[in-house]
Amino acid sequence: MFAVILKYKKPLEEVERHTLAHRAFLDECVAQGILIMSGRQTPPTGGVVIAKADSREQLEALLAKDPFHLAGVADYEIYEFTPGKYQPVLKELIEA
């Protein structure tokens, strides 16, 4: 399991120009079963993604296609972790 922290490196106005394409990209990640959840940080200085990928390399290759990455408006920090405690409703997803 991975947590990805996005940090905007351009003004929010520039980030916003790429948000629709970024959200379409995230929809594709959901359809592939990789994206578990995502959202913008509060205040809007970046975002957070929780993902389940086969490897860090797979996730890095996927994130390289993110319109935010392609436009150079965000940096990514990737943290791999093993869930120890979670809500029962997530059990099937996490243990699959």
N, C-alpha and C. Protein backbone atom coordinates (compact mmCIF):
# COMPACT_ATOMS: atom_id res chain seq x y z
N MET A 1 0.86 -1.16 0.00
CA MET A 1 0.00 0.00 0.00
C MET A 1 0.91 1.22 0.00
N PHE A 2 0.42 2.31 -0.61
CA PHE A 2 1.23 3.51 -0.74
C PHE A 2 0.41 4.75 -0.40
N ALA A 3 1.08 5.69 0.24
CA ALA A 3 0.54 7.03 0.43
C ALA A 3 1.40 7.95 -0.43
N VAL A 4 0.76 8.76 -1.22
CA VAL A 4 1.47 9.71 -2.08
C VAL A 4 1.04 11.11 -1.67
N ILE A 5 2.01 11.94 -1.36
CA ILE A 5 1.75 13.33 -1.00
C ILE A 5 2.17 14.20 -2.18
N LEU A 6 1.21 14.92 -2.73
CA LEU A 6 1.50 15.87 -3.80
C LEU A 6 1.68 17.24 -3.19
N LYS A 7 2.70 17.94 -3.66
CA LYS A 7 2.93 19.31 -3.22
C LYS A 7 2.96 20.19 -4.46
N TYR A 8 2.06 21.16 -4.49
CA TYR A 8 2.02 22.07 -5.63
C TYR A 8 3.29 22.90 -5.64
N LYS A 9 3.88 23.04 -6.83
CA LYS A 9 5.08 23.86 -6.95
C LYS A 9 4.86 25.06 -7.86
N LYS A 10 3.61 25.25 -8.26
CA LYS A 10 3.20 26.39 -9.07
C LYS A 10 2.01 27.05 -8.38
N PRO A 11 1.70 28.30 -8.72
CA PRO A 11 0.53 28.95 -8.12
C PRO A 11 -0.75 28.15 -8.38
N LEU A 12 -1.68 28.24 -7.45
CA LEU A 12 -2.93 27.49 -7.54
C LEU A 12 -3.67 27.76 -8.85
N GLU A 13 -3.58 28.96 -9.36
CA GLU A 13 -4.24 29.28 -10.63
C GLU A 13 -3.71 28.41 -11.76
N GLU A 14 -2.41 28.16 -11.76
CA GLU A 14 -1.82 27.31 -12.79
C GLU A 14 -2.20 25.84 -12.56
N VAL A 15 -2.21 25.41 -11.31
CA VAL A 15 -2.62 24.05 -10.98
C VAL A 15 -4.05 23.81 -11.48
N GLU A 16 -4.93 24.78 -11.23
CA GLU A 16 -6.34 24.65 -11.60
C GLU A 16 -6.54 24.41 -13.10
N ARG A 17 -5.64 24.92 -13.94
CA ARG A 17 -5.76 24.73 -15.38
C ARG A 17 -5.61 23.26 -15.77
N HIS A 18 -5.03 22.46 -14.90
CA HIS A 18 -4.78 21.04 -15.19
C HIS A 18 -5.65 20.10 -14.35
N THR A 19 -6.52 20.67 -13.53
CA THR A 19 -7.29 19.86 -12.59
C THR A 19 -8.26 18.90 -13.27
N LEU A 20 -8.96 19.33 -14.31
CA LEU A 20 -9.90 18.42 -14.99
C LEU A 20 -9.17 17.22 -15.58
N ALA A 21 -8.04 17.44 -16.22
CA ALA A 21 -7.27 16.33 -16.78
C ALA A 21 -6.73 15.44 -15.67
N HIS A 22 -6.30 16.04 -14.56
CA HIS A 22 -5.79 15.27 -13.41
C HIS A 22 -6.90 14.38 -12.84
N ARG A 23 -8.10 14.92 -12.72
CA ARG A 23 -9.22 14.13 -12.19
C ARG A 23 -9.61 13.00 -13.13
N ALA A 24 -9.53 13.24 -14.43
CA ALA A 24 -9.80 12.16 -15.39
C ALA A 24 -8.74 11.06 -15.25
N PHE A 25 -7.50 11.46 -15.04
CA PHE A 25 -6.43 10.50 -14.79
C PHE A 25 -6.73 9.68 -13.54
N LEU A 26 -7.16 10.35 -12.47
CA LEU A 26 -7.50 9.64 -11.23
C LEU A 26 -8.65 8.67 -11.44
N ASP A 27 -9.64 9.06 -12.26
CA ASP A 27 -10.75 8.15 -12.57
C ASP A 27 -10.23 6.88 -13.24
N GLU A 28 -9.26 7.00 -14.12
CA GLU A 28 -8.65 5.83 -14.77
C GLU A 28 -7.95 4.95 -13.73
N CYS A 29 -7.30 5.59 -12.77
CA CYS A 29 -6.60 4.83 -11.71
C CYS A 29 -7.59 4.07 -10.84
N VAL A 30 -8.76 4.67 -10.60
CA VAL A 30 -9.82 3.98 -9.85
C VAL A 30 -10.28 2.77 -10.65
N ALA A 31 -10.51 2.97 -11.94
CA ALA A 31 -10.99 1.88 -12.81
C ALA A 31 -9.98 0.73 -12.87
N GLN A 32 -8.71 1.03 -12.77
CA GLN A 32 -7.66 0.01 -12.78
C GLN A 32 -7.52 -0.70 -11.43
N GLY A 33 -8.21 -0.19 -10.41
CA GLY A 33 -8.12 -0.79 -9.09
C GLY A 33 -6.89 -0.37 -8.30
N ILE A 34 -6.18 0.65 -8.76
CA ILE A 34 -4.97 1.10 -8.08
C ILE A 34 -5.28 2.19 -7.06
N LEU A 35 -6.11 3.14 -7.43
CA LEU A 35 -6.43 4.26 -6.55
C LEU A 35 -7.50 3.83 -5.55
N ILE A 36 -7.22 4.02 -4.28
CA ILE A 36 -8.20 3.72 -3.24
C ILE A 36 -8.96 4.98 -2.86
N MET A 37 -8.22 6.08 -2.66
CA MET A 37 -8.85 7.36 -2.37
C MET A 37 -7.86 8.47 -2.65
N SER A 38 -8.41 9.66 -2.88
CA SER A 38 -7.55 10.82 -3.10
C SER A 38 -8.32 12.07 -2.73
N GLY A 39 -7.59 13.15 -2.54
CA GLY A 39 -8.23 14.42 -2.24
C GLY A 39 -7.22 15.53 -2.11
N ARG A 40 -7.72 16.73 -2.21
CA ARG A 40 -6.88 17.93 -2.08
C ARG A 40 -6.62 18.20 -0.61
N GLN A 41 -5.43 18.66 -0.30
CA GLN A 41 -5.11 19.07 1.07
C GLN A 41 -5.87 20.34 1.43
N THR A 42 -6.06 20.54 2.71
CA THR A 42 -6.69 21.75 3.22
C THR A 42 -5.71 22.43 4.16
N PRO A 43 -5.25 23.64 3.81
CA PRO A 43 -5.53 24.44 2.64
C PRO A 43 -4.97 23.80 1.37
N PRO A 44 -5.38 24.28 0.19
CA PRO A 44 -5.01 23.62 -1.07
C PRO A 44 -3.55 23.85 -1.49
N THR A 45 -2.66 23.12 -0.83
CA THR A 45 -1.22 23.21 -1.13
C THR A 45 -0.72 21.96 -1.85
N GLY A 46 -1.62 21.02 -2.09
CA GLY A 46 -1.27 19.76 -2.73
C GLY A 46 -2.40 18.76 -2.54
N GLY A 47 -2.05 17.49 -2.62
CA GLY A 47 -3.07 16.46 -2.49
C GLY A 47 -2.51 15.23 -1.80
N VAL A 48 -3.40 14.28 -1.56
CA VAL A 48 -3.04 13.01 -0.93
C VAL A 48 -3.70 11.90 -1.74
N VAL A 49 -2.93 10.85 -2.02
CA VAL A 49 -3.43 9.69 -2.74
C VAL A 49 -3.09 8.45 -1.92
N ILE A 50 -4.05 7.57 -1.74
CA ILE A 50 -3.80 6.26 -1.16
C ILE A 50 -4.00 5.27 -2.30
N ALA A 51 -2.97 4.46 -2.54
CA ALA A 51 -2.99 3.57 -3.70
C ALA A 51 -2.51 2.18 -3.31
N LYS A 52 -2.99 1.21 -4.09
CA LYS A 52 -2.53 -0.17 -3.93
C LYS A 52 -1.95 -0.59 -5.27
N ALA A 53 -0.64 -0.69 -5.33
CA ALA A 53 0.06 -1.06 -6.55
C ALA A 53 0.89 -2.30 -6.29
N ASP A 54 1.25 -3.01 -7.35
CA ASP A 54 2.08 -4.21 -7.21
C ASP A 54 3.49 -3.88 -6.74
N SER A 55 3.96 -2.67 -7.09
CA SER A 55 5.31 -2.26 -6.71
C SER A 55 5.41 -0.74 -6.76
N ARG A 56 6.45 -0.24 -6.13
CA ARG A 56 6.73 1.19 -6.19
C ARG A 56 6.99 1.61 -7.64
N GLU A 57 7.69 0.75 -8.37
CA GLU A 57 8.01 1.06 -9.77
C GLU A 57 6.74 1.19 -10.60
N GLN A 58 5.76 0.31 -10.38
CA GLN A 58 4.49 0.40 -11.09
C GLN A 58 3.81 1.73 -10.77
N LEU A 59 3.81 2.10 -9.51
CA LEU A 59 3.16 3.34 -9.11
C LEU A 59 3.89 4.55 -9.69
N GLU A 60 5.21 4.54 -9.65
CA GLU A 60 5.99 5.64 -10.22
C GLU A 60 5.72 5.79 -11.72
N ALA A 61 5.65 4.69 -12.43
CA ALA A 61 5.36 4.73 -13.87
C ALA A 61 3.98 5.30 -14.12
N LEU A 62 3.02 4.95 -13.28
CA LEU A 62 1.67 5.47 -13.43
C LEU A 62 1.64 6.97 -13.15
N LEU A 63 2.27 7.40 -12.07
CA LEU A 63 2.27 8.82 -11.70
C LEU A 63 2.98 9.68 -12.74
N ALA A 64 3.91 9.09 -13.47
CA ALA A 64 4.60 9.82 -14.53
C ALA A 64 3.64 10.25 -15.64
N LYS A 65 2.46 9.62 -15.70
CA LYS A 65 1.45 9.95 -16.71
C LYS A 65 0.42 10.96 -16.20
N ASP A 66 0.51 11.32 -14.93
CA ASP A 66 -0.43 12.27 -14.33
C ASP A 66 -0.26 13.64 -15.00
N PRO A 67 -1.35 14.25 -15.45
CA PRO A 67 -1.25 15.58 -16.04
C PRO A 67 -0.57 16.62 -15.13
N PHE A 68 -0.71 16.49 -13.82
CA PHE A 68 0.01 17.40 -12.92
C PHE A 68 1.52 17.23 -13.08
N HIS A 69 1.96 15.99 -13.21
CA HIS A 69 3.39 15.73 -13.42
C HIS A 69 3.83 16.23 -14.79
N LEU A 70 3.06 15.91 -15.81
CA LEU A 70 3.41 16.31 -17.16
C LEU A 70 3.48 17.82 -17.32
N ALA A 71 2.63 18.54 -16.58
CA ALA A 71 2.63 20.00 -16.64
C ALA A 71 3.64 20.63 -15.68
N GLY A 72 4.25 19.80 -14.83
CA GLY A 72 5.24 20.32 -13.89
C GLY A 72 4.68 21.17 -12.78
N VAL A 73 3.44 20.90 -12.37
CA VAL A 73 2.82 21.73 -11.33
C VAL A 73 2.86 21.09 -9.93
N ALA A 74 3.30 19.83 -9.84
CA ALA A 74 3.32 19.16 -8.53
C ALA A 74 4.52 18.23 -8.42
N ASP A 75 5.00 18.11 -7.20
CA ASP A 75 6.01 17.11 -6.85
C ASP A 75 5.31 16.01 -6.06
N TYR A 76 5.90 14.81 -6.07
CA TYR A 76 5.30 13.65 -5.43
C TYR A 76 6.27 13.04 -4.42
N GLU A 77 5.78 12.74 -3.23
CA GLU A 77 6.52 11.97 -2.25
C GLU A 77 5.75 10.66 -2.06
N ILE A 78 6.42 9.54 -2.22
CA ILE A 78 5.76 8.24 -2.14
C ILE A 78 6.25 7.52 -0.88
N TYR A 79 5.30 7.05 -0.10
CA TYR A 79 5.59 6.31 1.12
C TYR A 79 4.91 4.95 1.03
N GLU A 80 5.69 3.89 1.15
CA GLU A 80 5.11 2.55 1.18
C GLU A 80 4.84 2.18 2.63
N PHE A 81 3.70 1.53 2.86
CA PHE A 81 3.38 1.10 4.22
C PHE A 81 2.54 -0.17 4.17
N THR A 82 2.54 -0.86 5.30
CA THR A 82 1.72 -2.06 5.45
C THR A 82 0.62 -1.74 6.45
N PRO A 83 -0.64 -1.73 6.01
CA PRO A 83 -1.73 -1.41 6.93
C PRO A 83 -1.79 -2.42 8.07
N GLY A 84 -1.86 -1.89 9.27
CA GLY A 84 -1.97 -2.74 10.44
C GLY A 84 -3.36 -2.66 11.05
N LYS A 85 -3.90 -1.49 11.10
CA LYS A 85 -5.25 -1.25 11.63
C LYS A 85 -6.05 -0.52 10.56
N TYR A 86 -7.29 -0.93 10.39
CA TYR A 86 -8.16 -0.31 9.40
C TYR A 86 -9.59 -0.67 9.70
N GLN A 87 -10.51 0.08 9.13
CA GLN A 87 -11.92 -0.19 9.30
C GLN A 87 -12.27 -1.53 8.64
N PRO A 88 -13.13 -2.32 9.26
CA PRO A 88 -13.49 -3.63 8.70
C PRO A 88 -13.98 -3.57 7.25
N VAL A 89 -14.62 -2.49 6.86
CA VAL A 89 -15.13 -2.38 5.50
C VAL A 89 -13.98 -2.40 4.47
N LEU A 90 -12.77 -2.10 4.88
CA LEU A 90 -11.61 -2.09 3.99
C LEU A 90 -10.87 -3.43 3.93
N LYS A 91 -11.27 -4.39 4.75
CA LYS A 91 -10.53 -5.64 4.87
C LYS A 91 -10.33 -6.34 3.51
N GLU A 92 -11.37 -6.53 2.74
CA GLU A 92 -11.26 -7.23 1.47
C GLU A 92 -10.32 -6.50 0.51
N LEU A 93 -10.41 -5.19 0.47
CA LEU A 93 -9.56 -4.39 -0.40
C LEU A 93 -8.09 -4.50 0.00
N ILE A 94 -7.82 -4.41 1.28
CA ILE A 94 -6.43 -4.41 1.76
C ILE A 94 -5.81 -5.80 1.68
N GLU A 95 -6.59 -6.82 1.96
CA GLU A 95 -6.02 -8.17 1.99
C GLU A 95 -6.02 -8.86 0.63
N ALA A 96 -6.61 -8.24 -0.39
CA ALA A 96 -6.67 -8.86 -1.74
C ALA A 96 -5.28 -8.92 -2.35
